[in-house]
C-alpha atoms as a PDB file:
ATOM      1  CA  MET A   1       0.148   0.059   0.327  1.00  0.00           C
ATOM      2  CA  PRO A   2       2.698   2.246   0.790  1.00  0.00           C
ATOM      3  CA  VAL A   3       4.181   1.957  -2.597  1.00  0.00           C
ATOM      4  CA  THR A   4       1.101   2.653  -4.534  1.00  0.00           C
ATOM      5  CA  CYS A   5       0.327   5.865  -2.471  1.00  0.00           C
ATOM      6  CA  PHE A   6       4.170   6.831  -3.167  1.00  0.00           C
ATOM      7  CA  MET A   7       3.649   6.317  -6.670  1.00  0.00           C
ATOM      8  CA  ALA A   8       0.456   8.214  -6.745  1.00  0.00           C
ATOM      9  CA  TYR A   9       2.095  11.093  -5.037  1.00  0.00           C
ATOM     10  CA  CYS A  10       4.998  11.290  -7.522  1.00  0.00           C
ATOM     11  CA  ARG A  11       2.185  11.185 -10.223  1.00  0.00           C
ATOM     12  CA  MET A  12       0.146  14.035  -8.809  1.00  0.00           C
ATOM     13  CA  THR A  13       3.573  16.117  -8.528  1.00  0.00           C
ATOM     14  CA  HIS A  14       4.489  15.402 -11.842  1.00  0.00           C
ATOM     15  CA  TYR A  15       0.883  17.051 -13.041  1.00  0.00           C
ATOM     16  CA  LEU A  16       1.380  19.898 -10.651  1.00  0.00           C
ATOM     17  CA  LYS A  17       5.101  20.838 -12.136  1.00  0.00           C
ATOM     18  CA  ARG A  18       3.404  20.428 -15.658  1.00  0.00           C
ATOM     19  CA  ILE A  19       0.576  22.474 -14.860  1.00  0.00           C
ATOM     20  CA  GLU A  20       2.801  25.221 -13.190  1.00  0.00           C
ATOM     21  CA  LYS A  21       4.883  25.328 -16.165  1.00  0.00           C
ATOM     22  CA  CYS A  22       1.619  25.829 -18.153  1.00  0.00           C
ATOM     23  CA  CYS A  23       0.186  28.538 -16.083  1.00  0.00           C
ATOM     24  CA  ASN A  24       3.341  30.699 -16.121  1.00  0.00           C
ATOM     25  CA  LEU A  25       3.183  30.501 -20.099  1.00  0.00           C
ATOM     26  CA  LEU A  26      -0.431  31.007 -20.276  1.00  0.00           C
ATOM     27  CA  LYS A  27       0.146  34.030 -17.511  1.00  0.00           C
ATOM     28  CA  CYS A  28       2.910  35.895 -19.728  1.00  0.00           C
ATOM     29  CA  ARG A  29       2.462  35.480 -23.457  1.00  0.00           C
ATOM     30  CA  PRO A  30      -0.954  35.545 -24.697  1.00  0.00           C
ATOM     31  CA  LEU A  31      -2.062  37.611 -21.885  1.00  0.00           C
ATOM     32  CA  LEU A  32       0.583  40.371 -22.577  1.00  0.00           C
ATOM     33  CA  LYS A  33      -0.094  40.187 -25.943  1.00  0.00           C
ATOM     34  CA  ALA A  34      -4.200  40.577 -25.647  1.00  0.00           C
ATOM     35  CA  ILE A  35      -3.302  43.883 -23.359  1.00  0.00           C
ATOM     36  CA  GLN A  36      -0.595  45.223 -25.599  1.00  0.00           C
ATOM     37  CA  LYS A  37      -3.321  45.132 -28.451  1.00  0.00           C
ATOM     38  CA  GLY A  38      -5.752  46.670 -25.862  1.00  0.00           C
ATOM     39  CA  ASN A  39      -8.224  43.785 -26.385  1.00  0.00           C
ATOM     40  CA  LEU A  40      -9.677  43.582 -23.188  1.00  0.00           C
ATOM     41  CA  GLU A  41     -12.128  40.577 -23.441  1.00  0.00           C
ATOM     42  CA  CYS A  42      -9.262  38.306 -24.834  1.00  0.00           C
ATOM     43  CA  ALA A  43      -7.013  39.423 -22.067  1.00  0.00           C
ATOM     44  CA  GLN A  44      -9.790  38.451 -19.233  1.00  0.00           C
ATOM     45  CA  ILE A  45     -10.418  35.258 -21.053  1.00  0.00           C
ATOM     46  CA  HIS A  46      -6.527  34.601 -20.682  1.00  0.00           C
ATOM     47  CA  ALA A  47      -6.347  35.962 -17.189  1.00  0.00           C
ATOM     48  CA  GLU A  48      -9.354  33.459 -16.478  1.00  0.00           C
ATOM     49  CA  ASN A  49      -7.553  30.630 -18.020  1.00  0.00           C
ATOM     50  CA  ALA A  50      -4.104  31.190 -16.280  1.00  0.00           C
ATOM     51  CA  ILE A  51      -6.239  31.195 -12.798  1.00  0.00           C
ATOM     52  CA  ARG A  52      -8.050  28.381 -13.454  1.00  0.00           C
ATOM     53  CA  LYS A  53      -4.855  26.325 -14.163  1.00  0.00           C
ATOM     54  CA  LYS A  54      -3.163  27.866 -11.082  1.00  0.00           C
ATOM     55  CA  ASN A  55      -6.063  26.590  -9.248  1.00  0.00           C
ATOM     56  CA  GLU A  56      -5.958  23.316 -11.062  1.00  0.00           C
ATOM     57  CA  GLY A  57      -2.377  23.001  -9.557  1.00  0.00           C
ATOM     58  CA  LEU A  58      -3.404  23.804  -6.292  1.00  0.00           C
ATOM     59  CA  ASN A  59      -5.892  20.956  -6.389  1.00  0.00           C
ATOM     60  CA  TYR A  60      -3.210  18.637  -7.573  1.00  0.00           C
ATOM     61  CA  MET A  61      -1.094  20.131  -4.706  1.00  0.00           C
ATOM     62  CA  ARG A  62      -3.730  19.211  -2.056  1.00  0.00           C
ATOM     63  CA  MET A  63      -4.243  15.674  -3.629  1.00  0.00           C
ATOM     64  CA  SER A  64      -0.791  14.843  -3.654  1.00  0.00           C
ATOM     65  CA  SER A  65      -0.798  16.231   0.236  1.00  0.00           C
ATOM     66  CA  ARG A  66      -3.444  13.719   0.990  1.00  0.00           C
ATOM     67  CA  ILE A  67      -1.847  10.999  -0.735  1.00  0.00           C
ATOM     68  CA  ASP A  68       1.063  11.438   1.076  1.00  0.00           C
ATOM     69  CA  ALA A  69      -0.727  11.780   4.502  1.00  0.00           C
ATOM     70  CA  VAL A  70      -2.535   8.478   3.612  1.00  0.00           C
ATOM     71  CA  ALA A  71       0.813   6.772   3.174  1.00  0.00           C
ATOM     72  CA  ALA A  72       2.024   8.146   6.085  1.00  0.00           C
ATOM     73  CA  ARG A  73      -0.845   6.945   8.032  1.00  0.00           C
ATOM     74  CA  VAL A  74      -0.373   3.374   6.543  1.00  0.00           C
ATOM     75  CA  GLN A  75       3.144   3.522   7.651  1.00  0.00           C
ATOM     76  CA  THR A  76       2.389   4.650  11.307  1.00  0.00           C
ATOM     77  CA  ALA A  77      -0.397   1.975  11.476  1.00  0.00           C
ATOM     78  CA  LEU A  78       1.966  -0.657  10.556  1.00  0.00           C
ATOM     79  CA  THR A  79       4.595   0.900  13.006  1.00  0.00           C
ATOM     80  CA  MET A  80       2.055   0.908  15.804  1.00  0.00           C
ATOM     81  CA  LYS A  81       1.443  -2.650  15.297  1.00  0.00           C
ATOM     82  CA  LYS A  82       5.148  -3.449  15.422  1.00  0.00           C
ATOM     83  CA  VAL A  83       5.463  -1.551  18.667  1.00  0.00           C
ATOM     84  CA  SER A  84       2.219  -2.899  20.251  1.00  0.00           C
ATOM     85  CA  LYS A  85       3.708  -6.404  19.781  1.00  0.00           C
ATOM     86  CA  SER A  86       7.117  -5.047  21.099  1.00  0.00           C
ATOM     87  CA  MET A  87       5.394  -3.630  24.220  1.00  0.00           C
ATOM     88  CA  ALA A  88       3.205  -7.071  24.778  1.00  0.00           C
ATOM     89  CA  GLY A  89       6.769  -8.868  24.888  1.00  0.00           C
ATOM     90  CA  VAL A  90       8.201  -6.156  27.360  1.00  0.00           C
ATOM     91  CA  VAL A  91       5.147  -6.375  29.266  1.00  0.00           C
ATOM     92  CA  LYS A  92       5.626 -10.358  29.599  1.00  0.00           C
ATOM     93  CA  ALA A  93       9.315  -9.733  30.590  1.00  0.00           C
ATOM     94  CA  MET A  94       8.041  -7.080  33.139  1.00  0.00           C
ATOM     95  CA  ASP A  95       5.955  -9.368  34.501  1.00  0.00           C
ATOM     96  CA  ALA A  96       8.658 -12.459  34.542  1.00  0.00           C
ATOM     97  CA  ALA A  97      11.236 -10.070  36.396  1.00  0.00           C
ATOM     98  CA  MET A  98       8.370  -8.893  38.760  1.00  0.00           C
ATOM     99  CA  ARG A  99       8.437 -12.525  39.903  1.00  0.00           C
ATOM    100  CA  SER A 100      12.087 -12.652  40.285  1.00  0.00           C
ATOM    101  CA  MET A 101      12.180  -9.415  41.921  1.00  0.00           C
ATOM    102  CA  ASN A 102      15.502  -8.816  40.242  1.00  0.00           C
ATOM    103  CA  LEU A 103      15.708  -5.127  40.302  1.00  0.00           C
ATOM    104  CA  GLU A 104      18.292  -4.359  37.761  1.00  0.00           C
ATOM    105  CA  LYS A 105      16.360  -6.429  34.924  1.00  0.00           C
ATOM    106  CA  THR A 106      12.962  -4.590  36.128  1.00  0.00           C
ATOM    107  CA  SER A 107      14.563  -1.157  35.693  1.00  0.00           C
ATOM    108  CA  GLN A 108      15.998  -2.053  32.419  1.00  0.00           C
ATOM    109  CA  LEU A 109      12.689  -3.319  31.124  1.00  0.00           C
ATOM    110  CA  MET A 110      11.058  -0.214  32.637  1.00  0.00           C
ATOM    111  CA  ASP A 111      13.407   2.058  30.466  1.00  0.00           C
ATOM    112  CA  LYS A 112      12.644  -0.080  27.379  1.00  0.00           C
ATOM    113  CA  PHE A 113       9.142   0.579  27.999  1.00  0.00           C
ATOM    114  CA  GLU A 114       9.089   4.118  28.308  1.00  0.00           C
ATOM    115  CA  THR A 115      11.448   4.202  24.861  1.00  0.00           C
ATOM    116  CA  GLU A 116       8.660   2.376  23.090  1.00  0.00           C
ATOM    117  CA  PHE A 117       5.725   4.783  24.880  1.00  0.00           C
ATOM    118  CA  VAL A 118       7.798   7.931  23.640  1.00  0.00           C
ATOM    119  CA  ASN A 119       8.391   6.185  20.255  1.00  0.00           C
ATOM    120  CA  LEU A 120       4.413   5.560  19.772  1.00  0.00           C
ATOM    121  CA  ASP A 121       3.483   9.146  20.823  1.00  0.00           C
ATOM    122  CA  VAL A 122       6.011  10.738  18.430  1.00  0.00           C
ATOM    123  CA  GLN A 123       4.709   8.769  15.722  1.00  0.00           C
ATOM    124  CA  SER A 124       1.295   9.541  16.617  1.00  0.00           C
ATOM    125  CA  ALA A 125       1.778  13.107  16.716  1.00  0.00           C
ATOM    126  CA  THR A 126       3.554  12.917  13.476  1.00  0.00           C
ATOM    127  CA  MET A 127       0.699  11.470  12.015  1.00  0.00           C
ATOM    128  CA  GLU A 128      -1.736  14.285  13.284  1.00  0.00           C
ATOM    129  CA  ASN A 129       0.533  16.898  12.000  1.00  0.00           C
ATOM    130  CA  ALA A 130       0.725  15.199   8.560  1.00  0.00           C
ATOM    131  CA  MET A 131      -2.999  15.306   8.026  1.00  0.00           C
ATOM    132  CA  SER A 132      -4.928  19.191   7.897  1.00  0.00           C
ATOM    133  CA  ALA A 133      -7.578  20.391   6.627  1.00  0.00           C
ATOM    134  CA  THR A 134      -7.647  22.417   3.014  1.00  0.00           C
ATOM    135  CA  SER A 135      -9.845  25.125   1.732  1.00  0.00           C
ATOM    136  CA  THR A 136     -10.702  25.874  -1.983  1.00  0.00           C
ATOM    137  CA  LEU A 137     -10.014  28.810  -4.019  1.00  0.00           C
ATOM    138  CA  ASN A 138     -12.212  30.492  -6.260  1.00  0.00           C
ATOM    139  CA  ALA A 139     -11.259  32.891  -9.125  1.00  0.00           C
ATOM    140  CA  PRO A 140     -13.235  35.944  -8.403  1.00  0.00           C
ATOM    141  CA  GLN A 141     -13.106  39.068 -11.004  1.00  0.00           C
ATOM    142  CA  ASN A 142     -10.987  41.188  -8.738  1.00  0.00           C
ATOM    143  CA  GLU A 143      -8.327  38.139  -8.749  1.00  0.00           C
ATOM    144  CA  VAL A 144      -8.509  38.492 -12.866  1.00  0.00           C
ATOM    145  CA  ASP A 145      -8.135  42.087 -12.610  1.00  0.00           C
ATOM    146  CA  LYS A 146      -4.937  41.925 -10.150  1.00  0.00           C
ATOM    147  CA  LEU A 147      -3.638  39.411 -12.842  1.00  0.00           C
ATOM    148  CA  MET A 148      -4.049  41.644 -15.702  1.00  0.00           C
ATOM    149  CA  GLN A 149      -2.932  44.559 -13.876  1.00  0.00           C
ATOM    150  CA  GLN A 150       0.354  42.624 -12.605  1.00  0.00           C
ATOM    151  CA  VAL A 151       1.220  41.410 -16.218  1.00  0.00           C
ATOM    152  CA  ALA A 152       0.704  45.011 -17.617  1.00  0.00           C
ATOM    153  CA  ASP A 153       2.784  46.601 -14.858  1.00  0.00           C
ATOM    154  CA  GLU A 154       5.720  44.040 -15.547  1.00  0.00           C
ATOM    155  CA  ALA A 155       5.429  44.982 -19.214  1.00  0.00           C
ATOM    156  CA  GLY A 156       5.476  48.656 -18.666  1.00  0.00           C
ATOM    157  CA  LEU A 157       2.148  49.170 -19.922  1.00  0.00           C
ATOM    158  CA  GLU A 158      -0.700  51.521 -18.711  1.00  0.00           C
ATOM    159  CA  LEU A 159      -3.770  49.268 -18.005  1.00  0.00           C
ATOM    160  CA  ASN A 160      -5.973  51.907 -15.955  1.00  0.00           C
ATOM    161  CA  MET A 161      -7.141  53.901 -18.793  1.00  0.00           C
ATOM    162  CA  GLN A 162      -7.907  51.095 -21.185  1.00  0.00           C
ATOM    163  CA  LEU A 163     -10.542  49.452 -18.628  1.00  0.00           C
ATOM    164  CA  PRO A 164     -14.066  50.442 -18.215  1.00  0.00           C
ATOM    165  CA  SER A 165     -15.122  52.703 -15.794  1.00  0.00           C
ATOM    166  CA  GLY A 166     -16.734  49.907 -13.447  1.00  0.00           C
ATOM    167  CA  GLN A 167     -13.274  47.792 -13.531  1.00  0.00           C
ATOM    168  CA  MET A 168     -11.330  50.809 -12.444  1.00  0.00           C
ATOM    169  CA  SER A 169     -12.014  50.631  -8.669  1.00  0.00           C
ATOM    170  CA  THR A 170     -10.663  47.225  -8.363  1.00  0.00           C
ATOM    171  CA  ILE A 171      -7.227  48.101  -9.877  1.00  0.00           C
ATOM    172  CA  VAL A 172      -6.469  51.648  -8.398  1.00  0.00           C
ATOM    173  CA  GLY A 173      -3.639  51.380  -6.219  1.00  0.00           C
ATOM    174  CA  ALA A 174      -4.985  52.541  -2.982  1.00  0.00           C
ATOM    175  CA  SER A 175      -7.971  50.104  -3.101  1.00  0.00           C
ATOM    176  CA  LYS A 176      -6.137  47.744  -4.446  1.00  0.00           C
ATOM    177  CA  SER A 177      -3.597  47.449  -1.308  1.00  0.00           C
ATOM    178  CA  SER A 178      -6.550  47.550   0.927  1.00  0.00           C
ATOM    179  CA  ALA A 179      -8.487  44.538  -1.353  1.00  0.00           C
ATOM    180  CA  GLU A 180      -5.117  42.662  -0.965  1.00  0.00           C
ATOM    181  CA  GLN A 181      -4.522  43.389   2.764  1.00  0.00           C
ATOM    182  CA  ASP A 182      -8.745  42.314   3.167  1.00  0.00           C
ATOM    183  CA  GLU A 183      -7.884  39.205   1.381  1.00  0.00           C
ATOM    184  CA  LEU A 184      -4.890  38.213   3.578  1.00  0.00           C
ATOM    185  CA  SER A 185      -6.557  38.968   6.612  1.00  0.00           C
ATOM    186  CA  GLN A 186      -9.458  36.450   5.382  1.00  0.00           C
ATOM    187  CA  ARG A 187      -6.673  33.950   4.616  1.00  0.00           C
ATOM    188  CA  LEU A 188      -5.431  34.021   7.567  1.00  0.00           C
ATOM    189  CA  ALA A 189      -8.765  33.732   9.661  1.00  0.00           C
ATOM    190  CA  LYS A 190      -9.453  30.447   7.358  1.00  0.00           C
ATOM    191  CA  LEU A 191      -6.220  29.257   8.391  1.00  0.00           C
ATOM    192  CA  ARG A 192      -6.581  29.531  11.902  1.00  0.00           C
ATOM    193  CA  GLN A 193      -9.868  27.784  11.890  1.00  0.00           C
ATOM    194  CA  ILE A 194      -8.259  24.656  10.581  1.00  0.00           C
END
């Protein structure tokens, strides 16, 4: 089972790299050309495609993380099974040592039992930390506008004059930083809920 999970994890990671490469190409070339030509509809479509691909990549990342967590959970279960057998043997040995009242042997067995118990705690904590909830991302209009503005800024183009008046408010500098701050605050609140 862990080998199968590892292969699936590798496959998802490969898909993620492919999507990231494609996303970078989508983000730069066609979007920039459409902005340079002043074709806002085409630019918006390219921006939406880039964001969709980015979200697809995030979904692959989530899936690979979940597969890795499942593999870790299976490995932990196998290890816990071995530790349980080992602890059962230690308990039997402790019982025999208690009967003979050999204090040195009893002390050694208690130390071994404590070590096994600590190992079990560490493995359980690792498994719990491996699994975490994820949130889904949508591609709202403000993300599309931000991506278009980012590409235009990188190319040194002026995009504010070309946008219809309804879209200007999401791209203007002061409201942009305020919107980014609000978005970061919302993401932080979601992460704290997890």
